[in-house]
């Protein structure tokens, strides 16, 4: 107790410089850089060491050291980068993704607060169906407000490029979104697209309150001016939140989950039909 009090007195004493060793400074800098590496993966999705080095202005060797430390702590894991279409020679690039523990390190406290708030909204109207609708109304308002930011961006985009424009807007907000064109079932027909979100900041909350995913899907439909279909969600246990967007003027295909339930299921970015089937 006396040692703690003396330390506080020293910190508060005017003009008193608390000595800090070079080792402590280096250790604190190491932790800060490691956190930046983890945050970059969180914001941009699975990344290679080269991508991280370029993004953060570090050497690839330095990034690998931090990745080794994060992996040893169980916060990141490595996997082969999946390549669609023809693959070049050589081994696939290795990318690093946050584990559930890594995501929890960032969001655990916020998740609990958000879950408590949504549960309070539900309970305040008596729970049950009324509570579910109250949470859904909140989710629609929340994602509707977010969608307003994207509306002008999409208005400036060509009709065939609006999905890419939405992906860029989502990525700017940390959803690490990409677009993959889906070959049409009929020759010469326009290709649809899969809007893939490799990161979801509310995934753990959406596990308890699926109204969040439903409201987000509704907003996507309104922004893109077509009926879209949610194929997979991180909250459901899939690796990527995937939404099918039909080509302009084309009818939507039947909703399908990429989980091996259908032999012709559409694979999502970051997964394949075989991967999904084996995962389940």
C-alpha atoms as a PDB file:
ATOM      1  CA  UNK A   1       0.000   0.000   0.000  1.00  0.00           C
ATOM      2  CA  UNK A   2       2.771   2.432   0.939  1.00  0.00           C
ATOM      3  CA  UNK A   3       4.623   1.680  -2.294  1.00  0.00           C
ATOM      4  CA  UNK A   4       1.457   2.384  -4.333  1.00  0.00           C
ATOM      5  CA  UNK A   5       0.811   5.632  -2.468  1.00  0.00           C
ATOM      6  CA  UNK A   6       4.394   6.770  -2.924  1.00  0.00           C
ATOM      7  CA  UNK A   7       4.119   6.081  -6.673  1.00  0.00           C
ATOM      8  CA  UNK A   8       0.925   8.173  -6.890  1.00  0.00           C
ATOM      9  CA  UNK A   9       2.556  11.012  -4.937  1.00  0.00           C
ATOM     10  CA  UNK A  10       5.540  10.927  -7.277  1.00  0.00           C
ATOM     11  CA  UNK A  11       3.296  11.107 -10.348  1.00  0.00           C
ATOM     12  CA  UNK A  12       1.321  14.049  -8.961  1.00  0.00           C
ATOM     13  CA  UNK A  13       4.289  15.985  -7.641  1.00  0.00           C
ATOM     14  CA  UNK A  14       4.993  19.055  -9.794  1.00  0.00           C
ATOM     15  CA  UNK A  15       8.141  18.827 -11.866  1.00  0.00           C
ATOM     16  CA  UNK A  16       8.750  15.219 -10.834  1.00  0.00           C
ATOM     17  CA  UNK A  17       9.982  13.057 -13.724  1.00  0.00           C
ATOM     18  CA  UNK A  18       9.205   9.390 -13.268  1.00  0.00           C
ATOM     19  CA  UNK A  19      12.107   7.453 -14.775  1.00  0.00           C
ATOM     20  CA  UNK A  20      11.208   5.132 -17.643  1.00  0.00           C
ATOM     21  CA  UNK A  21      13.705   2.586 -18.856  1.00  0.00           C
ATOM     22  CA  UNK A  22      14.525   2.144 -22.547  1.00  0.00           C
ATOM     23  CA  UNK A  23      13.223  -1.419 -22.323  1.00  0.00           C
ATOM     24  CA  UNK A  24       9.816  -0.156 -21.118  1.00  0.00           C
ATOM     25  CA  UNK A  25       9.632   2.355 -23.961  1.00  0.00           C
ATOM     26  CA  UNK A  26      10.490  -0.317 -26.515  1.00  0.00           C
ATOM     27  CA  UNK A  27       7.949  -2.737 -25.032  1.00  0.00           C
ATOM     28  CA  UNK A  28       5.171  -0.132 -25.135  1.00  0.00           C
ATOM     29  CA  UNK A  29       6.024   0.719 -28.740  1.00  0.00           C
ATOM     30  CA  UNK A  30       5.992  -2.974 -29.631  1.00  0.00           C
ATOM     31  CA  UNK A  31       2.516  -3.395 -28.142  1.00  0.00           C
ATOM     32  CA  UNK A  32       1.196  -0.315 -29.949  1.00  0.00           C
ATOM     33  CA  UNK A  33       2.464  -1.592 -33.300  1.00  0.00           C
ATOM     34  CA  UNK A  34       1.076  -5.055 -32.644  1.00  0.00           C
ATOM     35  CA  UNK A  35      -2.316  -3.474 -31.912  1.00  0.00           C
ATOM     36  CA  UNK A  36      -2.100  -1.566 -35.206  1.00  0.00           C
ATOM     37  CA  UNK A  37      -1.478  -4.827 -37.068  1.00  0.00           C
ATOM     38  CA  UNK A  38      -4.482  -6.468 -35.400  1.00  0.00           C
ATOM     39  CA  UNK A  39      -6.676  -3.410 -36.019  1.00  0.00           C
ATOM     40  CA  UNK A  40      -5.725  -3.384 -39.696  1.00  0.00           C
ATOM     41  CA  UNK A  41      -6.820  -7.016 -40.052  1.00  0.00           C
ATOM     42  CA  UNK A  42     -10.035  -6.182 -38.221  1.00  0.00           C
ATOM     43  CA  UNK A  43     -10.790  -3.254 -40.524  1.00  0.00           C
ATOM     44  CA  UNK A  44      -9.728  -4.808 -43.828  1.00  0.00           C
ATOM     45  CA  UNK A  45     -10.343  -8.518 -43.372  1.00  0.00           C
ATOM     46  CA  UNK A  46      -7.839 -11.357 -43.944  1.00  0.00           C
ATOM     47  CA  UNK A  47      -4.550  -9.828 -45.082  1.00  0.00           C
ATOM     48  CA  UNK A  48      -1.134 -10.997 -46.178  1.00  0.00           C
ATOM     49  CA  UNK A  49       2.033  -9.811 -44.457  1.00  0.00           C
ATOM     50  CA  UNK A  50       2.871  -7.796 -47.591  1.00  0.00           C
ATOM     51  CA  UNK A  51      -0.539  -6.083 -47.533  1.00  0.00           C
ATOM     52  CA  UNK A  52      -0.142  -5.203 -43.869  1.00  0.00           C
ATOM     53  CA  UNK A  53       3.387  -3.891 -44.397  1.00  0.00           C
ATOM     54  CA  UNK A  54       2.223  -1.637 -47.228  1.00  0.00           C
ATOM     55  CA  UNK A  55      -0.830  -0.452 -45.310  1.00  0.00           C
ATOM     56  CA  UNK A  56       1.039   0.352 -42.098  1.00  0.00           C
ATOM     57  CA  UNK A  57       4.350   1.550 -43.507  1.00  0.00           C
ATOM     58  CA  UNK A  58       6.317  -1.279 -41.894  1.00  0.00           C
ATOM     59  CA  UNK A  59       8.756  -3.840 -43.242  1.00  0.00           C
ATOM     60  CA  UNK A  60       7.400  -7.285 -44.043  1.00  0.00           C
ATOM     61  CA  UNK A  61       9.844  -8.764 -41.519  1.00  0.00           C
ATOM     62  CA  UNK A  62       8.522  -6.512 -38.744  1.00  0.00           C
ATOM     63  CA  UNK A  63       4.928  -7.387 -39.605  1.00  0.00           C
ATOM     64  CA  UNK A  64       5.724 -11.107 -39.493  1.00  0.00           C
ATOM     65  CA  UNK A  65       7.216 -10.740 -36.007  1.00  0.00           C
ATOM     66  CA  UNK A  66       4.028  -9.097 -34.780  1.00  0.00           C
ATOM     67  CA  UNK A  67       1.893 -11.698 -36.543  1.00  0.00           C
ATOM     68  CA  UNK A  68       3.884 -14.450 -34.831  1.00  0.00           C
ATOM     69  CA  UNK A  69       3.165 -12.817 -31.479  1.00  0.00           C
ATOM     70  CA  UNK A  70      -0.535 -12.423 -32.238  1.00  0.00           C
ATOM     71  CA  UNK A  71      -0.738 -16.030 -33.420  1.00  0.00           C
ATOM     72  CA  UNK A  72       1.011 -17.271 -30.257  1.00  0.00           C
ATOM     73  CA  UNK A  73      -1.586 -15.381 -28.217  1.00  0.00           C
ATOM     74  CA  UNK A  74      -4.394 -17.024 -30.190  1.00  0.00           C
ATOM     75  CA  UNK A  75      -5.566 -13.713 -31.679  1.00  0.00           C
ATOM     76  CA  UNK A  76      -4.853 -14.400 -35.369  1.00  0.00           C
ATOM     77  CA  UNK A  77      -4.610 -17.503 -37.525  1.00  0.00           C
ATOM     78  CA  UNK A  78      -3.096 -18.087 -40.934  1.00  0.00           C
ATOM     79  CA  UNK A  79      -4.827 -19.664 -43.898  1.00  0.00           C
ATOM     80  CA  UNK A  80      -4.267 -20.021 -47.623  1.00  0.00           C
ATOM     81  CA  UNK A  81      -5.776 -17.252 -49.690  1.00  0.00           C
ATOM     82  CA  UNK A  82      -8.533 -18.660 -51.862  1.00  0.00           C
ATOM     83  CA  UNK A  83      -8.248 -17.821 -55.545  1.00  0.00           C
ATOM     84  CA  UNK A  84     -11.202 -17.823 -57.890  1.00  0.00           C
ATOM     85  CA  UNK A  85     -10.712 -18.619 -61.550  1.00  0.00           C
ATOM     86  CA  UNK A  86      -7.395 -19.814 -62.909  1.00  0.00           C
ATOM     87  CA  UNK A  87      -4.572 -20.036 -60.396  1.00  0.00           C
ATOM     88  CA  UNK A  88      -1.040 -19.096 -61.313  1.00  0.00           C
ATOM     89  CA  UNK A  89       2.009 -21.164 -60.537  1.00  0.00           C
ATOM     90  CA  UNK A  90       3.375 -21.457 -57.052  1.00  0.00           C
ATOM     91  CA  UNK A  91       1.762 -21.847 -53.670  1.00  0.00           C
ATOM     92  CA  UNK A  92      -1.264 -19.704 -52.755  1.00  0.00           C
ATOM     93  CA  UNK A  93      -0.483 -16.621 -50.700  1.00  0.00           C
ATOM     94  CA  UNK A  94      -0.882 -16.925 -46.936  1.00  0.00           C
ATOM     95  CA  UNK A  95      -3.274 -14.481 -45.271  1.00  0.00           C
ATOM     96  CA  UNK A  96      -3.936 -13.786 -41.601  1.00  0.00           C
ATOM     97  CA  UNK A  97      -7.389 -13.428 -40.061  1.00  0.00           C
ATOM     98  CA  UNK A  98      -8.584 -12.616 -36.564  1.00  0.00           C
ATOM     99  CA  UNK A  99      -9.802 -15.527 -34.482  1.00  0.00           C
ATOM    100  CA  UNK A 100     -12.965 -15.272 -32.382  1.00  0.00           C
ATOM    101  CA  UNK A 101     -10.676 -14.477 -29.467  1.00  0.00           C
ATOM    102  CA  UNK A 102      -9.078 -11.698 -31.492  1.00  0.00           C
ATOM    103  CA  UNK A 103     -12.450 -10.166 -32.282  1.00  0.00           C
ATOM    104  CA  UNK A 104     -13.481 -10.486 -28.648  1.00  0.00           C
ATOM    105  CA  UNK A 105     -10.407  -8.546 -27.586  1.00  0.00           C
ATOM    106  CA  UNK A 106     -11.759  -5.550 -29.488  1.00  0.00           C
ATOM    107  CA  UNK A 107     -15.494  -5.857 -28.975  1.00  0.00           C
ATOM    108  CA  UNK A 108     -16.336  -7.800 -25.818  1.00  0.00           C
ATOM    109  CA  UNK A 109     -17.214  -4.807 -23.638  1.00  0.00           C
ATOM    110  CA  UNK A 110     -19.131  -3.033 -26.410  1.00  0.00           C
ATOM    111  CA  UNK A 111     -20.999  -6.224 -27.289  1.00  0.00           C
ATOM    112  CA  UNK A 112     -22.313  -6.613 -23.761  1.00  0.00           C
ATOM    113  CA  UNK A 113     -23.405  -2.978 -23.589  1.00  0.00           C
ATOM    114  CA  UNK A 114     -25.187  -3.200 -26.955  1.00  0.00           C
ATOM    115  CA  UNK A 115     -26.871  -6.498 -26.059  1.00  0.00           C
ATOM    116  CA  UNK A 116     -28.102  -5.048 -22.773  1.00  0.00           C
ATOM    117  CA  UNK A 117     -29.472  -1.982 -24.565  1.00  0.00           C
ATOM    118  CA  UNK A 118     -31.366  -4.042 -27.159  1.00  0.00           C
ATOM    119  CA  UNK A 119     -32.714  -6.347 -24.458  1.00  0.00           C
ATOM    120  CA  UNK A 120     -33.940  -3.285 -22.551  1.00  0.00           C
ATOM    121  CA  UNK A 121     -35.707  -2.022 -25.689  1.00  0.00           C
ATOM    122  CA  UNK A 122     -37.429  -5.404 -26.038  1.00  0.00           C
ATOM    123  CA  UNK A 123     -38.374  -5.674 -22.373  1.00  0.00           C
ATOM    124  CA  UNK A 124     -39.648  -2.095 -22.197  1.00  0.00           C
ATOM    125  CA  UNK A 125     -42.565  -3.001 -24.502  1.00  0.00           C
ATOM    126  CA  UNK A 126     -43.298  -6.296 -22.824  1.00  0.00           C
ATOM    127  CA  UNK A 127     -41.016  -8.642 -24.775  1.00  0.00           C
ATOM    128  CA  UNK A 128     -42.391 -11.331 -27.082  1.00  0.00           C
ATOM    129  CA  UNK A 129     -43.512 -10.277 -30.558  1.00  0.00           C
ATOM    130  CA  UNK A 130     -43.799  -6.650 -29.487  1.00  0.00           C
ATOM    131  CA  UNK A 131     -40.227  -6.743 -28.211  1.00  0.00           C
ATOM    132  CA  UNK A 132     -38.959  -8.295 -31.440  1.00  0.00           C
ATOM    133  CA  UNK A 133     -40.676  -5.593 -33.476  1.00  0.00           C
ATOM    134  CA  UNK A 134     -39.263  -2.857 -31.232  1.00  0.00           C
ATOM    135  CA  UNK A 135     -35.741  -4.169 -31.807  1.00  0.00           C
ATOM    136  CA  UNK A 136     -36.465  -4.444 -35.545  1.00  0.00           C
ATOM    137  CA  UNK A 137     -37.669  -0.818 -35.606  1.00  0.00           C
ATOM    138  CA  UNK A 138     -34.449   0.282 -33.904  1.00  0.00           C
ATOM    139  CA  UNK A 139     -32.367  -1.767 -36.361  1.00  0.00           C
ATOM    140  CA  UNK A 140     -34.164  -0.273 -39.368  1.00  0.00           C
ATOM    141  CA  UNK A 141     -33.624   3.247 -38.030  1.00  0.00           C
ATOM    142  CA  UNK A 142     -29.970   2.540 -37.283  1.00  0.00           C
ATOM    143  CA  UNK A 143     -29.110   1.029 -40.665  1.00  0.00           C
ATOM    144  CA  UNK A 144     -31.372   3.501 -42.461  1.00  0.00           C
ATOM    145  CA  UNK A 145     -29.286   6.337 -41.018  1.00  0.00           C
ATOM    146  CA  UNK A 146     -26.131   4.595 -42.149  1.00  0.00           C
ATOM    147  CA  UNK A 147     -27.624   4.063 -45.606  1.00  0.00           C
ATOM    148  CA  UNK A 148     -28.253   7.783 -45.992  1.00  0.00           C
ATOM    149  CA  UNK A 149     -24.487   8.296 -46.073  1.00  0.00           C
ATOM    150  CA  UNK A 150     -24.176   5.888 -48.989  1.00  0.00           C
ATOM    151  CA  UNK A 151     -27.122   7.159 -51.031  1.00  0.00           C
ATOM    152  CA  UNK A 152     -25.322  10.025 -52.757  1.00  0.00           C
ATOM    153  CA  UNK A 153     -22.342   7.779 -53.580  1.00  0.00           C
ATOM    154  CA  UNK A 154     -24.626   5.266 -55.288  1.00  0.00           C
ATOM    155  CA  UNK A 155     -26.513   7.977 -57.166  1.00  0.00           C
ATOM    156  CA  UNK A 156     -23.276   9.026 -58.829  1.00  0.00           C
ATOM    157  CA  UNK A 157     -22.429   5.461 -59.886  1.00  0.00           C
ATOM    158  CA  UNK A 158     -23.521   3.818 -63.123  1.00  0.00           C
ATOM    159  CA  UNK A 159     -26.335   1.276 -62.757  1.00  0.00           C
ATOM    160  CA  UNK A 160     -23.989  -1.651 -63.358  1.00  0.00           C
ATOM    161  CA  UNK A 161     -21.428  -0.385 -60.857  1.00  0.00           C
ATOM    162  CA  UNK A 162     -23.614   0.392 -57.854  1.00  0.00           C
ATOM    163  CA  UNK A 163     -22.750  -2.838 -56.039  1.00  0.00           C
ATOM    164  CA  UNK A 164     -19.038  -1.975 -56.277  1.00  0.00           C
ATOM    165  CA  UNK A 165     -19.797   1.567 -55.088  1.00  0.00           C
ATOM    166  CA  UNK A 166     -21.684   0.189 -52.079  1.00  0.00           C
ATOM    167  CA  UNK A 167     -18.789  -2.168 -51.312  1.00  0.00           C
ATOM    168  CA  UNK A 168     -16.341   0.745 -51.329  1.00  0.00           C
ATOM    169  CA  UNK A 169     -18.591   2.762 -49.019  1.00  0.00           C
ATOM    170  CA  UNK A 170     -18.943  -0.193 -46.641  1.00  0.00           C
ATOM    171  CA  UNK A 171     -15.172  -0.748 -46.651  1.00  0.00           C
ATOM    172  CA  UNK A 172     -14.624   2.874 -45.681  1.00  0.00           C
ATOM    173  CA  UNK A 173     -16.745   2.113 -42.602  1.00  0.00           C
ATOM    174  CA  UNK A 174     -14.681  -0.959 -41.724  1.00  0.00           C
ATOM    175  CA  UNK A 175     -16.777  -3.767 -43.254  1.00  0.00           C
ATOM    176  CA  UNK A 176     -13.986  -4.947 -45.585  1.00  0.00           C
ATOM    177  CA  UNK A 177     -16.473  -5.452 -48.424  1.00  0.00           C
ATOM    178  CA  UNK A 178     -15.704  -6.905 -51.846  1.00  0.00           C
ATOM    179  CA  UNK A 179     -17.762  -7.868 -54.895  1.00  0.00           C
ATOM    180  CA  UNK A 180     -17.569 -11.091 -56.876  1.00  0.00           C
ATOM    181  CA  UNK A 181     -19.431 -11.414 -60.156  1.00  0.00           C
ATOM    182  CA  UNK A 182     -21.542 -14.578 -60.462  1.00  0.00           C
ATOM    183  CA  UNK A 183     -21.690 -16.229 -63.922  1.00  0.00           C
ATOM    184  CA  UNK A 184     -25.230 -16.077 -65.341  1.00  0.00           C
ATOM    185  CA  UNK A 185     -27.274 -19.259 -65.658  1.00  0.00           C
ATOM    186  CA  UNK A 186     -28.234 -18.293 -69.211  1.00  0.00           C
ATOM    187  CA  UNK A 187     -25.589 -17.554 -71.846  1.00  0.00           C
ATOM    188  CA  UNK A 188     -25.099 -13.855 -72.645  1.00  0.00           C
ATOM    189  CA  UNK A 189     -27.322 -12.830 -69.745  1.00  0.00           C
ATOM    190  CA  UNK A 190     -25.955 -10.112 -67.421  1.00  0.00           C
ATOM    191  CA  UNK A 191     -24.014 -11.428 -64.449  1.00  0.00           C
ATOM    192  CA  UNK A 192     -25.283 -10.972 -60.916  1.00  0.00           C
ATOM    193  CA  UNK A 193     -22.966 -10.222 -58.018  1.00  0.00           C
ATOM    194  CA  UNK A 194     -22.164 -11.302 -54.506  1.00  0.00           C
ATOM    195  CA  UNK A 195     -21.576  -8.473 -52.062  1.00  0.00           C
ATOM    196  CA  UNK A 196     -19.200  -9.939 -49.449  1.00  0.00           C
ATOM    197  CA  UNK A 197     -18.512  -8.341 -46.074  1.00  0.00           C
ATOM    198  CA  UNK A 198     -15.437  -9.927 -44.527  1.00  0.00           C
ATOM    199  CA  UNK A 199     -15.923  -8.126 -41.224  1.00  0.00           C
ATOM    200  CA  UNK A 200     -19.044  -7.318 -39.191  1.00  0.00           C
ATOM    201  CA  UNK A 201     -18.671  -5.111 -36.096  1.00  0.00           C
ATOM    202  CA  UNK A 202     -22.032  -6.297 -34.704  1.00  0.00           C
ATOM    203  CA  UNK A 203     -21.687 -10.016 -35.468  1.00  0.00           C
ATOM    204  CA  UNK A 204     -21.880 -11.187 -31.848  1.00  0.00           C
ATOM    205  CA  UNK A 205     -24.935  -9.002 -31.186  1.00  0.00           C
ATOM    206  CA  UNK A 206     -26.626 -10.216 -34.362  1.00  0.00           C
ATOM    207  CA  UNK A 207     -26.305 -13.789 -33.081  1.00  0.00           C
ATOM    208  CA  UNK A 208     -28.842 -12.810 -30.404  1.00  0.00           C
ATOM    209  CA  UNK A 209     -30.791 -10.252 -32.445  1.00  0.00           C
ATOM    210  CA  UNK A 210     -31.099 -11.344 -36.107  1.00  0.00           C
ATOM    211  CA  UNK A 211     -33.197  -8.237 -36.751  1.00  0.00           C
ATOM    212  CA  UNK A 212     -29.887  -6.420 -37.296  1.00  0.00           C
ATOM    213  CA  UNK A 213     -29.008  -8.590 -40.309  1.00  0.00           C
ATOM    214  CA  UNK A 214     -32.552  -8.345 -41.663  1.00  0.00           C
ATOM    215  CA  UNK A 215     -32.569  -4.546 -41.424  1.00  0.00           C
ATOM    216  CA  UNK A 216     -29.171  -4.291 -43.137  1.00  0.00           C
ATOM    217  CA  UNK A 217     -30.435  -6.466 -45.990  1.00  0.00           C
ATOM    218  CA  UNK A 218     -33.508  -4.227 -46.393  1.00  0.00           C
ATOM    219  CA  UNK A 219     -31.275  -1.151 -46.621  1.00  0.00           C
ATOM    220  CA  UNK A 220     -29.099  -2.822 -49.284  1.00  0.00           C
ATOM    221  CA  UNK A 221     -32.231  -3.563 -51.297  1.00  0.00           C
ATOM    222  CA  UNK A 222     -33.414   0.037 -51.051  1.00  0.00           C
ATOM    223  CA  UNK A 223     -30.009   1.470 -51.962  1.00  0.00           C
ATOM    224  CA  UNK A 224     -29.525  -0.825 -54.966  1.00  0.00           C
ATOM    225  CA  UNK A 225     -33.126  -0.596 -56.146  1.00  0.00           C
ATOM    226  CA  UNK A 226     -33.611  -4.350 -56.412  1.00  0.00           C
ATOM    227  CA  UNK A 227     -34.582  -7.313 -54.252  1.00  0.00           C
ATOM    228  CA  UNK A 228     -31.373  -8.721 -52.780  1.00  0.00           C
ATOM    229  CA  UNK A 229     -30.941 -12.027 -50.963  1.00  0.00           C
ATOM    230  CA  UNK A 230     -28.762 -12.729 -47.947  1.00  0.00           C
ATOM    231  CA  UNK A 231     -26.934 -16.017 -48.501  1.00  0.00           C
ATOM    232  CA  UNK A 232     -24.670 -16.154 -45.458  1.00  0.00           C
ATOM    233  CA  UNK A 233     -23.790 -14.196 -42.327  1.00  0.00           C
ATOM    234  CA  UNK A 234     -20.876 -14.140 -39.937  1.00  0.00           C
ATOM    235  CA  UNK A 235     -23.440 -14.100 -37.102  1.00  0.00           C
ATOM    236  CA  UNK A 236     -24.773 -17.436 -38.346  1.00  0.00           C
ATOM    237  CA  UNK A 237     -21.294 -18.938 -38.262  1.00  0.00           C
ATOM    238  CA  UNK A 238     -20.301 -18.370 -41.889  1.00  0.00           C
ATOM    239  CA  UNK A 239     -16.919 -16.871 -42.663  1.00  0.00           C
ATOM    240  CA  UNK A 240     -18.330 -13.973 -44.683  1.00  0.00           C
ATOM    241  CA  UNK A 241     -21.602 -12.028 -44.817  1.00  0.00           C
ATOM    242  CA  UNK A 242     -22.728 -12.610 -48.405  1.00  0.00           C
ATOM    243  CA  UNK A 243     -25.607 -10.937 -50.239  1.00  0.00           C
ATOM    244  CA  UNK A 244     -26.691 -11.868 -53.751  1.00  0.00           C
ATOM    245  CA  UNK A 245     -27.476  -8.874 -55.986  1.00  0.00           C
ATOM    246  CA  UNK A 246     -29.170  -9.677 -59.318  1.00  0.00           C
ATOM    247  CA  UNK A 247     -28.010  -7.914 -62.467  1.00  0.00           C
ATOM    248  CA  UNK A 248     -29.971  -4.763 -63.387  1.00  0.00           C
ATOM    249  CA  UNK A 249     -33.227  -5.843 -64.983  1.00  0.00           C
ATOM    250  CA  UNK A 250     -32.751  -9.519 -64.066  1.00  0.00           C
ATOM    251  CA  UNK A 251     -34.986 -11.517 -61.760  1.00  0.00           C
ATOM    252  CA  UNK A 252     -33.551 -12.683 -58.441  1.00  0.00           C
ATOM    253  CA  UNK A 253     -32.517 -16.306 -58.239  1.00  0.00           C
ATOM    254  CA  UNK A 254     -33.989 -18.494 -55.477  1.00  0.00           C
ATOM    255  CA  UNK A 255     -32.443 -17.887 -52.097  1.00  0.00           C
ATOM    256  CA  UNK A 256     -29.761 -20.425 -51.296  1.00  0.00           C
ATOM    257  CA  UNK A 257     -27.332 -20.844 -48.435  1.00  0.00           C
ATOM    258  CA  UNK A 258     -23.797 -21.880 -49.393  1.00  0.00           C
ATOM    259  CA  UNK A 259     -23.871 -24.720 -46.907  1.00  0.00           C
ATOM    260  CA  UNK A 260     -23.934 -27.795 -49.091  1.00  0.00           C
ATOM    261  CA  UNK A 261     -27.731 -28.038 -48.774  1.00  0.00           C
ATOM    262  CA  UNK A 262     -28.038 -27.821 -52.564  1.00  0.00           C
ATOM    263  CA  UNK A 263     -25.648 -29.381 -55.023  1.00  0.00           C
ATOM    264  CA  UNK A 264     -25.608 -26.153 -57.055  1.00  0.00           C
ATOM    265  CA  UNK A 265     -25.234 -23.770 -54.135  1.00  0.00           C
ATOM    266  CA  UNK A 266     -23.459 -20.533 -54.966  1.00  0.00           C
ATOM    267  CA  UNK A 267     -20.115 -20.328 -53.118  1.00  0.00           C
ATOM    268  CA  UNK A 268     -19.367 -17.156 -51.193  1.00  0.00           C
ATOM    269  CA  UNK A 269     -16.140 -15.204 -51.235  1.00  0.00           C
ATOM    270  CA  UNK A 270     -13.811 -16.795 -48.734  1.00  0.00           C
ATOM    271  CA  UNK A 271     -15.701 -20.100 -48.854  1.00  0.00           C
ATOM    272  CA  UNK A 272     -16.551 -22.761 -51.363  1.00  0.00           C
ATOM    273  CA  UNK A 273     -19.388 -25.237 -51.582  1.00  0.00           C
ATOM    274  CA  UNK A 274     -17.054 -28.022 -50.428  1.00  0.00           C
ATOM    275  CA  UNK A 275     -15.674 -25.891 -47.589  1.00  0.00           C
ATOM    276  CA  UNK A 276     -19.160 -25.046 -46.359  1.00  0.00           C
ATOM    277  CA  UNK A 277     -20.324 -28.622 -46.486  1.00  0.00           C
ATOM    278  CA  UNK A 278     -17.337 -29.901 -44.563  1.00  0.00           C
ATOM    279  CA  UNK A 279     -17.657 -27.069 -42.026  1.00  0.00           C
ATOM    280  CA  UNK A 280     -21.163 -28.156 -41.165  1.00  0.00           C
END
